[in-house]
N, C-alpha and C. Protein backbone atom coordinates (compact mmCIF):
# COMPACT_ATOMS: atom_id res chain seq x y z
N MET A 1 -36.95 -8.92 9.24
CA MET A 1 -35.88 -8.05 8.83
C MET A 1 -35.92 -6.81 9.73
N VAL A 2 -34.76 -6.26 10.05
CA VAL A 2 -34.60 -5.16 10.87
C VAL A 2 -33.99 -3.98 10.05
N ASN A 3 -34.48 -2.80 10.28
CA ASN A 3 -33.95 -1.64 9.55
C ASN A 3 -32.96 -0.98 10.49
N VAL A 4 -31.85 -0.55 9.90
CA VAL A 4 -30.81 0.14 10.67
C VAL A 4 -30.52 1.51 10.02
N ASN A 5 -30.39 2.49 10.81
CA ASN A 5 -30.06 3.84 10.33
C ASN A 5 -28.59 3.97 10.23
N ILE A 6 -28.12 4.47 9.08
CA ILE A 6 -26.71 4.69 8.82
C ILE A 6 -26.54 6.14 8.39
N GLU A 7 -25.61 6.85 9.01
CA GLU A 7 -25.38 8.23 8.68
C GLU A 7 -25.03 8.31 7.17
N ASP A 8 -25.51 9.43 6.61
CA ASP A 8 -25.37 9.61 5.16
C ASP A 8 -23.94 9.49 4.68
N ASP A 9 -23.02 10.13 5.40
CA ASP A 9 -21.62 10.05 4.91
C ASP A 9 -21.06 8.62 4.96
N LYS A 10 -21.44 7.83 5.92
CA LYS A 10 -21.01 6.45 5.99
C LYS A 10 -21.65 5.63 4.89
N TYR A 11 -22.94 5.88 4.65
CA TYR A 11 -23.67 5.15 3.59
C TYR A 11 -23.05 5.44 2.25
N LYS A 12 -22.68 6.72 1.98
CA LYS A 12 -22.05 7.06 0.71
C LYS A 12 -20.72 6.31 0.48
N VAL A 13 -19.94 6.16 1.55
CA VAL A 13 -18.69 5.42 1.41
C VAL A 13 -19.01 3.97 1.09
N LEU A 14 -19.96 3.33 1.80
CA LEU A 14 -20.35 1.99 1.53
C LEU A 14 -20.93 1.82 0.21
N GLU A 15 -21.70 2.72 -0.24
CA GLU A 15 -22.31 2.72 -1.59
C GLU A 15 -21.28 2.71 -2.69
N ALA A 16 -20.25 3.58 -2.50
CA ALA A 16 -19.19 3.64 -3.52
C ALA A 16 -18.31 2.36 -3.50
N ARG A 17 -18.03 1.86 -2.31
CA ARG A 17 -17.25 0.65 -2.21
C ARG A 17 -17.99 -0.58 -2.76
N GLY A 18 -19.28 -0.61 -2.49
CA GLY A 18 -20.13 -1.71 -3.03
C GLY A 18 -20.13 -1.73 -4.51
N LYS A 19 -20.19 -0.57 -5.16
CA LYS A 19 -20.15 -0.48 -6.61
C LYS A 19 -18.76 -0.96 -7.12
N GLU A 20 -17.67 -0.53 -6.42
CA GLU A 20 -16.33 -0.92 -6.81
C GLU A 20 -16.19 -2.41 -6.79
N LYS A 21 -16.84 -3.05 -5.81
CA LYS A 21 -16.66 -4.52 -5.60
C LYS A 21 -17.66 -5.32 -6.46
N GLY A 22 -18.58 -4.60 -7.16
CA GLY A 22 -19.48 -5.28 -8.08
C GLY A 22 -20.79 -5.72 -7.51
N TYR A 23 -21.15 -5.17 -6.39
CA TYR A 23 -22.43 -5.53 -5.76
C TYR A 23 -23.57 -4.80 -6.51
N GLU A 24 -24.68 -5.48 -6.63
CA GLU A 24 -25.84 -4.92 -7.37
C GLU A 24 -26.40 -3.70 -6.67
N ASP A 25 -26.46 -3.75 -5.30
CA ASP A 25 -26.92 -2.55 -4.55
C ASP A 25 -26.16 -2.49 -3.24
N THR A 26 -26.32 -1.33 -2.61
CA THR A 26 -25.62 -1.05 -1.36
C THR A 26 -26.05 -1.99 -0.24
N GLU A 27 -27.29 -2.29 -0.17
CA GLU A 27 -27.83 -3.13 0.89
C GLU A 27 -27.20 -4.52 0.83
N GLU A 28 -26.97 -5.05 -0.40
CA GLU A 28 -26.33 -6.30 -0.56
C GLU A 28 -24.87 -6.31 -0.03
N TYR A 29 -24.21 -5.22 -0.28
CA TYR A 29 -22.81 -5.10 0.22
C TYR A 29 -22.81 -4.90 1.75
N ILE A 30 -23.72 -4.17 2.30
CA ILE A 30 -23.79 -4.02 3.73
C ILE A 30 -24.06 -5.36 4.38
N ASP A 31 -25.02 -6.11 3.83
CA ASP A 31 -25.36 -7.45 4.30
C ASP A 31 -24.11 -8.36 4.28
N TYR A 32 -23.35 -8.29 3.19
CA TYR A 32 -22.11 -9.09 3.17
C TYR A 32 -21.16 -8.65 4.28
N LEU A 33 -20.96 -7.39 4.49
CA LEU A 33 -20.04 -6.91 5.56
C LEU A 33 -20.50 -7.40 6.97
N ILE A 34 -21.77 -7.30 7.19
CA ILE A 34 -22.31 -7.69 8.52
C ILE A 34 -22.19 -9.19 8.67
N SER A 35 -22.39 -9.96 7.59
CA SER A 35 -22.16 -11.38 7.65
C SER A 35 -20.74 -11.77 8.03
N GLN A 36 -19.79 -10.97 7.48
CA GLN A 36 -18.38 -11.23 7.81
C GLN A 36 -18.09 -10.98 9.28
N ILE A 37 -18.70 -9.91 9.83
CA ILE A 37 -18.55 -9.60 11.21
C ILE A 37 -19.17 -10.62 12.10
N VAL A 38 -20.36 -11.10 11.79
CA VAL A 38 -21.07 -12.15 12.53
C VAL A 38 -20.18 -13.42 12.58
N ARG A 39 -19.61 -13.82 11.40
CA ARG A 39 -18.74 -14.99 11.35
C ARG A 39 -17.56 -14.80 12.29
N LYS A 40 -16.92 -13.65 12.29
CA LYS A 40 -15.83 -13.40 13.13
C LYS A 40 -16.18 -13.54 14.59
N ILE A 41 -17.31 -12.96 14.95
CA ILE A 41 -17.78 -13.04 16.34
C ILE A 41 -18.00 -14.49 16.78
N LYS A 42 -18.58 -15.24 15.84
CA LYS A 42 -18.82 -16.70 16.18
C LYS A 42 -17.50 -17.44 16.33
N ARG A 43 -16.50 -17.15 15.50
CA ARG A 43 -15.17 -17.81 15.62
C ARG A 43 -14.56 -17.47 16.97
N GLU A 44 -14.67 -16.18 17.36
CA GLU A 44 -14.16 -15.73 18.60
C GLU A 44 -14.84 -16.46 19.77
N LYS A 45 -16.17 -16.54 19.68
CA LYS A 45 -16.90 -17.27 20.72
C LYS A 45 -16.45 -18.74 20.82
N GLN A 46 -16.25 -19.39 19.67
CA GLN A 46 -15.79 -20.77 19.69
C GLN A 46 -14.39 -20.88 20.30
N GLY A 47 -13.59 -19.90 20.03
CA GLY A 47 -12.27 -19.81 20.64
C GLY A 47 -12.33 -19.68 22.18
N GLU A 48 -13.26 -18.89 22.65
CA GLU A 48 -13.47 -18.73 24.07
C GLU A 48 -13.95 -20.08 24.71
N ASN A 49 -14.79 -20.77 24.01
CA ASN A 49 -15.26 -22.02 24.53
C ASN A 49 -14.12 -23.04 24.61
N LYS A 50 -13.26 -23.04 23.61
CA LYS A 50 -12.07 -23.97 23.61
C LYS A 50 -11.15 -23.60 24.79
N ASP A 51 -10.99 -22.22 25.04
CA ASP A 51 -10.17 -21.81 26.14
C ASP A 51 -10.69 -22.41 27.47
N LYS A 52 -12.02 -22.38 27.56
CA LYS A 52 -12.65 -22.84 28.81
C LYS A 52 -12.38 -24.31 29.01
N SER A 53 -12.31 -25.07 27.91
CA SER A 53 -12.17 -26.55 28.07
C SER A 53 -10.65 -26.90 28.15
N GLY A 54 -9.77 -25.96 27.96
CA GLY A 54 -8.38 -26.27 28.03
C GLY A 54 -7.76 -26.71 26.72
N GLU A 55 -8.52 -27.06 25.73
CA GLU A 55 -7.97 -27.60 24.51
C GLU A 55 -7.04 -26.64 23.80
N LYS A 56 -7.43 -25.43 23.72
CA LYS A 56 -6.66 -24.43 23.02
C LYS A 56 -5.31 -24.18 23.76
N GLU A 57 -5.34 -24.13 25.06
CA GLU A 57 -4.11 -23.95 25.86
C GLU A 57 -3.14 -25.12 25.58
N GLN A 58 -3.60 -26.31 25.53
CA GLN A 58 -2.73 -27.46 25.28
C GLN A 58 -2.10 -27.35 23.91
N GLY A 59 -2.91 -26.99 22.92
CA GLY A 59 -2.39 -26.83 21.60
C GLY A 59 -1.34 -25.76 21.49
N GLU A 60 -1.60 -24.64 22.17
CA GLU A 60 -0.62 -23.58 22.16
C GLU A 60 0.70 -23.98 22.90
N GLU A 61 0.55 -24.75 23.92
CA GLU A 61 1.69 -25.20 24.70
C GLU A 61 2.55 -26.12 23.76
N GLU A 62 1.88 -26.97 23.02
CA GLU A 62 2.64 -27.85 22.07
C GLU A 62 3.33 -27.07 21.01
N GLU A 63 2.68 -25.99 20.49
CA GLU A 63 3.30 -25.15 19.49
C GLU A 63 4.61 -24.53 20.06
N VAL A 64 4.49 -24.00 21.29
CA VAL A 64 5.66 -23.39 21.93
C VAL A 64 6.81 -24.41 22.03
N LYS A 65 6.41 -25.56 22.50
CA LYS A 65 7.46 -26.60 22.70
C LYS A 65 8.14 -26.93 21.30
N GLU A 66 7.34 -27.05 20.28
CA GLU A 66 7.93 -27.31 18.95
C GLU A 66 8.86 -26.25 18.50
N LYS A 67 8.45 -24.98 18.74
CA LYS A 67 9.28 -23.85 18.39
C LYS A 67 10.59 -23.87 19.12
N LEU A 68 10.53 -24.12 20.45
CA LEU A 68 11.73 -24.21 21.27
C LEU A 68 12.66 -25.34 20.81
N LYS A 69 12.08 -26.49 20.41
CA LYS A 69 12.89 -27.58 19.85
C LYS A 69 13.55 -27.13 18.58
N ASP A 70 12.77 -26.51 17.72
CA ASP A 70 13.38 -26.04 16.44
C ASP A 70 14.51 -25.06 16.67
N LEU A 71 14.40 -24.26 17.66
CA LEU A 71 15.46 -23.33 18.02
C LEU A 71 16.62 -23.90 18.78
N GLY A 72 16.48 -25.18 19.19
CA GLY A 72 17.55 -25.88 19.91
C GLY A 72 17.51 -25.66 21.42
N TYR A 73 16.47 -25.19 21.96
CA TYR A 73 16.41 -25.01 23.42
C TYR A 73 15.89 -26.20 24.15
N MET A 74 15.42 -27.16 23.40
CA MET A 74 14.90 -28.37 24.12
C MET A 74 15.43 -29.60 23.41
């Protein structure tokens, strides 16, 4: 486990929000928030990998074609 220093004013905001959301303690809430950020980063990385393989671009191209068909341009 790693310890992270958080400025007092920021910690107080997180502490209040954690209580509002029903977390037992502030550390549990902060862990939840960090987990959400890590998941987002991983999804973004997966998206980058798809871009490199061309899969995402093909999917986006198909979406654009479908939208153009729906609008009567194709």
